[in-house]
């Protein structure tokens, strides 16, 4: 069984494409990653690198002073799907960030910046809406994605490193997740 990643990406809505078209494409990519767990995606690594790179355009949200949460349904959905793809691609695509240092840095920076924005949103009184994630839920998803990116990077940077080196990186990742979870749920 092979993945069904197109050889060319649809334009994002920021590149004169249609938001609905880009969201449909993103949801298709998400379905591929969430589908058959035995699916081998190694041979499609270049396409997944392009897919993950294309997500950078939607990994941001405005602050509460700029726009009310209830007016950002489409943006919230883009962020939710992008974070899901990022999380699963980082965990399922072997060597996703091999030779892609700039992409990994940009992705981690975008997710961390998103977490900062969502941290501001968590302090706001946002009424729950069916079918849309709350700021706290998106924050938890973003931190999990950031952790998956860091884990993928550590696997790439330290492929032949000693067990001690891996333990150090795992310790740092666990501390990161404890800090993040304490901020969200503490």
C-alpha atoms as a PDB file:
ATOM      1  CA  UNK A   1       0.000   0.000   0.000  1.00  0.00           C
ATOM      2  CA  UNK A   2       1.424   3.443  -0.790  1.00  0.00           C
ATOM      3  CA  UNK A   3       0.471   6.904   0.299  1.00  0.00           C
ATOM      4  CA  UNK A   4      -1.514   9.099  -2.022  1.00  0.00           C
ATOM      5  CA  UNK A   5       0.437  12.326  -1.699  1.00  0.00           C
ATOM      6  CA  UNK A   6       0.164  14.489  -4.782  1.00  0.00           C
ATOM      7  CA  UNK A   7       3.408  15.428  -6.489  1.00  0.00           C
ATOM      8  CA  UNK A   8       2.480  19.094  -6.329  1.00  0.00           C
ATOM      9  CA  UNK A   9       0.899  20.963  -3.481  1.00  0.00           C
ATOM     10  CA  UNK A  10      -2.177  23.117  -3.937  1.00  0.00           C
ATOM     11  CA  UNK A  11      -1.568  26.822  -3.443  1.00  0.00           C
ATOM     12  CA  UNK A  12      -2.326  28.105   0.010  1.00  0.00           C
ATOM     13  CA  UNK A  13      -4.973  30.766   0.329  1.00  0.00           C
ATOM     14  CA  UNK A  14      -2.132  33.228   0.944  1.00  0.00           C
ATOM     15  CA  UNK A  15      -0.837  32.418  -2.544  1.00  0.00           C
ATOM     16  CA  UNK A  16      -4.093  33.157  -4.378  1.00  0.00           C
ATOM     17  CA  UNK A  17      -5.546  29.713  -3.704  1.00  0.00           C
ATOM     18  CA  UNK A  18      -8.886  29.049  -2.081  1.00  0.00           C
ATOM     19  CA  UNK A  19      -8.975  28.395   1.683  1.00  0.00           C
ATOM     20  CA  UNK A  20     -11.475  25.556   1.244  1.00  0.00           C
ATOM     21  CA  UNK A  21      -9.240  23.867  -1.343  1.00  0.00           C
ATOM     22  CA  UNK A  22      -6.200  24.066   0.930  1.00  0.00           C
ATOM     23  CA  UNK A  23      -8.163  22.808   3.960  1.00  0.00           C
ATOM     24  CA  UNK A  24      -9.537  19.873   1.933  1.00  0.00           C
ATOM     25  CA  UNK A  25      -5.999  19.013   0.846  1.00  0.00           C
ATOM     26  CA  UNK A  26      -4.744  19.265   4.446  1.00  0.00           C
ATOM     27  CA  UNK A  27      -7.559  17.004   5.666  1.00  0.00           C
ATOM     28  CA  UNK A  28      -6.643  14.477   2.965  1.00  0.00           C
ATOM     29  CA  UNK A  29      -3.040  14.495   4.150  1.00  0.00           C
ATOM     30  CA  UNK A  30      -4.204  14.066   7.731  1.00  0.00           C
ATOM     31  CA  UNK A  31      -6.348  11.089   6.702  1.00  0.00           C
ATOM     32  CA  UNK A  32      -3.311   9.443   5.087  1.00  0.00           C
ATOM     33  CA  UNK A  33      -1.278   9.822   8.280  1.00  0.00           C
ATOM     34  CA  UNK A  34      -4.111   8.680  10.544  1.00  0.00           C
ATOM     35  CA  UNK A  35      -5.026   5.778   8.284  1.00  0.00           C
ATOM     36  CA  UNK A  36      -3.165   2.520   7.929  1.00  0.00           C
ATOM     37  CA  UNK A  37      -0.557   2.425  10.717  1.00  0.00           C
ATOM     38  CA  UNK A  38       1.459  -0.089   8.694  1.00  0.00           C
ATOM     39  CA  UNK A  39       1.728   2.381   5.813  1.00  0.00           C
ATOM     40  CA  UNK A  40       5.360   2.898   4.905  1.00  0.00           C
ATOM     41  CA  UNK A  41       5.911   6.586   4.298  1.00  0.00           C
ATOM     42  CA  UNK A  42       9.719   6.471   4.077  1.00  0.00           C
ATOM     43  CA  UNK A  43       9.763   6.433   0.277  1.00  0.00           C
ATOM     44  CA  UNK A  44       7.542   9.528   0.253  1.00  0.00           C
ATOM     45  CA  UNK A  45       9.752  11.594   2.573  1.00  0.00           C
ATOM     46  CA  UNK A  46      10.332  14.473   0.078  1.00  0.00           C
ATOM     47  CA  UNK A  47       6.579  14.882  -0.389  1.00  0.00           C
ATOM     48  CA  UNK A  48       6.014  14.888   3.380  1.00  0.00           C
ATOM     49  CA  UNK A  49       8.738  17.518   3.793  1.00  0.00           C
ATOM     50  CA  UNK A  50       6.833  19.696   1.293  1.00  0.00           C
ATOM     51  CA  UNK A  51       3.572  18.977   3.091  1.00  0.00           C
ATOM     52  CA  UNK A  52       4.957  19.987   6.476  1.00  0.00           C
ATOM     53  CA  UNK A  53       6.614  23.083   4.999  1.00  0.00           C
ATOM     54  CA  UNK A  54       3.284  24.166   3.501  1.00  0.00           C
ATOM     55  CA  UNK A  55       1.722  24.161   6.977  1.00  0.00           C
ATOM     56  CA  UNK A  56       3.851  27.080   8.136  1.00  0.00           C
ATOM     57  CA  UNK A  57       1.437  29.475   6.435  1.00  0.00           C
ATOM     58  CA  UNK A  58      -1.428  28.519   8.767  1.00  0.00           C
ATOM     59  CA  UNK A  59       0.311  27.988  12.116  1.00  0.00           C
ATOM     60  CA  UNK A  60      -0.625  31.313  13.671  1.00  0.00           C
ATOM     61  CA  UNK A  61      -3.560  33.042  15.303  1.00  0.00           C
ATOM     62  CA  UNK A  62      -4.267  36.685  16.147  1.00  0.00           C
ATOM     63  CA  UNK A  63      -4.308  37.925  19.729  1.00  0.00           C
ATOM     64  CA  UNK A  64      -7.605  38.543  21.571  1.00  0.00           C
ATOM     65  CA  UNK A  65      -7.157  42.297  21.072  1.00  0.00           C
ATOM     66  CA  UNK A  66      -7.159  41.771  17.296  1.00  0.00           C
ATOM     67  CA  UNK A  67     -10.114  39.453  16.698  1.00  0.00           C
ATOM     68  CA  UNK A  68     -12.690  37.589  18.814  1.00  0.00           C
ATOM     69  CA  UNK A  69     -12.314  33.799  19.105  1.00  0.00           C
ATOM     70  CA  UNK A  70     -15.778  33.280  17.627  1.00  0.00           C
ATOM     71  CA  UNK A  71     -14.662  34.979  14.403  1.00  0.00           C
ATOM     72  CA  UNK A  72     -11.784  32.568  13.803  1.00  0.00           C
ATOM     73  CA  UNK A  73     -13.510  29.270  13.025  1.00  0.00           C
ATOM     74  CA  UNK A  74     -11.634  28.731   9.773  1.00  0.00           C
ATOM     75  CA  UNK A  75      -8.274  29.716  11.261  1.00  0.00           C
ATOM     76  CA  UNK A  76      -8.833  27.447  14.259  1.00  0.00           C
ATOM     77  CA  UNK A  77      -9.611  24.520  11.977  1.00  0.00           C
ATOM     78  CA  UNK A  78      -6.489  25.199   9.877  1.00  0.00           C
ATOM     79  CA  UNK A  79      -4.357  25.256  13.034  1.00  0.00           C
ATOM     80  CA  UNK A  80      -5.970  22.088  14.408  1.00  0.00           C
ATOM     81  CA  UNK A  81      -5.383  20.115  11.205  1.00  0.00           C
ATOM     82  CA  UNK A  82      -1.853  21.513  10.715  1.00  0.00           C
ATOM     83  CA  UNK A  83      -0.886  20.505  14.250  1.00  0.00           C
ATOM     84  CA  UNK A  84      -2.318  17.011  13.761  1.00  0.00           C
ATOM     85  CA  UNK A  85      -0.356  16.568  10.529  1.00  0.00           C
ATOM     86  CA  UNK A  86       2.820  17.917  12.136  1.00  0.00           C
ATOM     87  CA  UNK A  87       2.503  15.608  15.127  1.00  0.00           C
ATOM     88  CA  UNK A  88       1.904  12.458  13.089  1.00  0.00           C
ATOM     89  CA  UNK A  89       4.397  13.272  10.326  1.00  0.00           C
ATOM     90  CA  UNK A  90       7.118  13.880  12.920  1.00  0.00           C
ATOM     91  CA  UNK A  91       6.340  10.508  14.482  1.00  0.00           C
ATOM     92  CA  UNK A  92       5.709   8.426  11.334  1.00  0.00           C
ATOM     93  CA  UNK A  93       7.971   9.743   8.580  1.00  0.00           C
ATOM     94  CA  UNK A  94      11.504   8.428   9.140  1.00  0.00           C
ATOM     95  CA  UNK A  95      14.214  11.079   8.898  1.00  0.00           C
ATOM     96  CA  UNK A  96      11.640  13.802   8.227  1.00  0.00           C
ATOM     97  CA  UNK A  97      14.072  16.560   9.199  1.00  0.00           C
ATOM     98  CA  UNK A  98      17.249  15.028   7.710  1.00  0.00           C
ATOM     99  CA  UNK A  99      18.973  17.938   6.007  1.00  0.00           C
ATOM    100  CA  UNK A 100      15.956  20.132   6.784  1.00  0.00           C
ATOM    101  CA  UNK A 101      17.342  22.179   9.677  1.00  0.00           C
ATOM    102  CA  UNK A 102      15.765  25.421   8.509  1.00  0.00           C
ATOM    103  CA  UNK A 103      12.353  23.766   8.175  1.00  0.00           C
ATOM    104  CA  UNK A 104      12.629  22.179  11.619  1.00  0.00           C
ATOM    105  CA  UNK A 105      13.647  25.498  13.184  1.00  0.00           C
ATOM    106  CA  UNK A 106      10.881  27.396  11.399  1.00  0.00           C
ATOM    107  CA  UNK A 107       8.296  24.785  12.363  1.00  0.00           C
ATOM    108  CA  UNK A 108       9.343  24.693  16.008  1.00  0.00           C
ATOM    109  CA  UNK A 109       9.427  28.509  16.133  1.00  0.00           C
ATOM    110  CA  UNK A 110       5.964  28.776  14.556  1.00  0.00           C
ATOM    111  CA  UNK A 111       4.515  26.257  17.009  1.00  0.00           C
ATOM    112  CA  UNK A 112       6.193  27.920  19.984  1.00  0.00           C
ATOM    113  CA  UNK A 113       4.888  31.330  18.881  1.00  0.00           C
ATOM    114  CA  UNK A 114       1.437  29.793  18.459  1.00  0.00           C
ATOM    115  CA  UNK A 115       1.697  28.426  22.019  1.00  0.00           C
ATOM    116  CA  UNK A 116       2.493  31.922  23.283  1.00  0.00           C
ATOM    117  CA  UNK A 117      -0.574  33.324  21.536  1.00  0.00           C
ATOM    118  CA  UNK A 118      -2.762  30.492  22.793  1.00  0.00           C
ATOM    119  CA  UNK A 119      -1.469  31.083  26.310  1.00  0.00           C
ATOM    120  CA  UNK A 120      -2.899  34.611  26.069  1.00  0.00           C
ATOM    121  CA  UNK A 121      -6.187  33.200  24.733  1.00  0.00           C
ATOM    122  CA  UNK A 122      -6.440  30.726  27.639  1.00  0.00           C
ATOM    123  CA  UNK A 123      -6.823  33.696  30.006  1.00  0.00           C
ATOM    124  CA  UNK A 124      -9.817  34.955  27.997  1.00  0.00           C
ATOM    125  CA  UNK A 125     -13.389  33.920  28.645  1.00  0.00           C
ATOM    126  CA  UNK A 126     -14.025  31.955  25.466  1.00  0.00           C
ATOM    127  CA  UNK A 127     -17.415  30.208  25.365  1.00  0.00           C
ATOM    128  CA  UNK A 128     -17.217  26.611  24.107  1.00  0.00           C
ATOM    129  CA  UNK A 129     -18.476  25.972  20.581  1.00  0.00           C
ATOM    130  CA  UNK A 130     -19.412  22.555  19.234  1.00  0.00           C
ATOM    131  CA  UNK A 131     -16.981  21.324  16.622  1.00  0.00           C
ATOM    132  CA  UNK A 132     -14.200  23.781  17.503  1.00  0.00           C
ATOM    133  CA  UNK A 133     -11.317  23.366  19.879  1.00  0.00           C
ATOM    134  CA  UNK A 134     -10.904  25.710  22.820  1.00  0.00           C
ATOM    135  CA  UNK A 135      -7.670  27.679  23.290  1.00  0.00           C
ATOM    136  CA  UNK A 136      -6.572  25.189  25.977  1.00  0.00           C
ATOM    137  CA  UNK A 137      -7.257  22.214  23.684  1.00  0.00           C
ATOM    138  CA  UNK A 138      -5.304  23.802  20.818  1.00  0.00           C
ATOM    139  CA  UNK A 139      -2.507  24.652  23.258  1.00  0.00           C
ATOM    140  CA  UNK A 140      -2.274  21.022  24.367  1.00  0.00           C
ATOM    141  CA  UNK A 141      -2.221  19.896  20.715  1.00  0.00           C
ATOM    142  CA  UNK A 142       0.457  22.492  19.895  1.00  0.00           C
ATOM    143  CA  UNK A 143       2.712  21.436  22.759  1.00  0.00           C
ATOM    144  CA  UNK A 144       2.364  17.779  21.775  1.00  0.00           C
ATOM    145  CA  UNK A 145       3.321  18.730  18.202  1.00  0.00           C
ATOM    146  CA  UNK A 146       6.324  20.714  19.428  1.00  0.00           C
ATOM    147  CA  UNK A 147       7.401  17.713  21.478  1.00  0.00           C
ATOM    148  CA  UNK A 148       7.044  15.414  18.464  1.00  0.00           C
ATOM    149  CA  UNK A 149       9.170  17.786  16.362  1.00  0.00           C
ATOM    150  CA  UNK A 150      11.854  17.853  19.066  1.00  0.00           C
ATOM    151  CA  UNK A 151      11.761  14.071  19.335  1.00  0.00           C
ATOM    152  CA  UNK A 152      12.113  13.695  15.561  1.00  0.00           C
ATOM    153  CA  UNK A 153      15.037  16.105  15.644  1.00  0.00           C
ATOM    154  CA  UNK A 154      16.729  14.221  18.465  1.00  0.00           C
ATOM    155  CA  UNK A 155      16.308  10.962  16.563  1.00  0.00           C
ATOM    156  CA  UNK A 156      17.871  12.623  13.529  1.00  0.00           C
ATOM    157  CA  UNK A 157      20.689  14.430  15.309  1.00  0.00           C
ATOM    158  CA  UNK A 158      21.593  11.550  17.597  1.00  0.00           C
ATOM    159  CA  UNK A 159      20.967   8.439  15.484  1.00  0.00           C
ATOM    160  CA  UNK A 160      24.150   6.700  16.619  1.00  0.00           C
ATOM    161  CA  UNK A 161      24.625   8.500  19.902  1.00  0.00           C
ATOM    162  CA  UNK A 162      25.018   6.685  23.153  1.00  0.00           C
ATOM    163  CA  UNK A 163      22.140   5.703  25.394  1.00  0.00           C
ATOM    164  CA  UNK A 164      23.254   8.461  27.776  1.00  0.00           C
ATOM    165  CA  UNK A 165      22.888  11.111  25.046  1.00  0.00           C
ATOM    166  CA  UNK A 166      19.401   9.843  24.210  1.00  0.00           C
ATOM    167  CA  UNK A 167      18.508   9.852  27.913  1.00  0.00           C
ATOM    168  CA  UNK A 168      19.623  13.490  28.175  1.00  0.00           C
ATOM    169  CA  UNK A 169      17.472  14.505  25.198  1.00  0.00           C
ATOM    170  CA  UNK A 170      14.522  12.498  26.527  1.00  0.00           C
ATOM    171  CA  UNK A 171      14.965  14.194  29.908  1.00  0.00           C
ATOM    172  CA  UNK A 172      14.893  17.623  28.265  1.00  0.00           C
ATOM    173  CA  UNK A 173      11.785  16.702  26.294  1.00  0.00           C
ATOM    174  CA  UNK A 174      10.044  15.432  29.408  1.00  0.00           C
ATOM    175  CA  UNK A 175      10.924  18.614  31.307  1.00  0.00           C
ATOM    176  CA  UNK A 176       9.591  20.678  28.410  1.00  0.00           C
ATOM    177  CA  UNK A 177       6.313  18.773  28.469  1.00  0.00           C
ATOM    178  CA  UNK A 178       6.021  19.063  32.267  1.00  0.00           C
ATOM    179  CA  UNK A 179       6.507  22.830  32.064  1.00  0.00           C
ATOM    180  CA  UNK A 180       4.032  23.195  29.250  1.00  0.00           C
ATOM    181  CA  UNK A 181       1.427  20.984  30.894  1.00  0.00           C
ATOM    182  CA  UNK A 182       1.826  22.843  34.178  1.00  0.00           C
ATOM    183  CA  UNK A 183       1.048  26.089  32.371  1.00  0.00           C
ATOM    184  CA  UNK A 184      -2.026  24.639  30.681  1.00  0.00           C
ATOM    185  CA  UNK A 185      -3.474  22.469  33.384  1.00  0.00           C
ATOM    186  CA  UNK A 186      -1.813  23.815  36.553  1.00  0.00           C
END
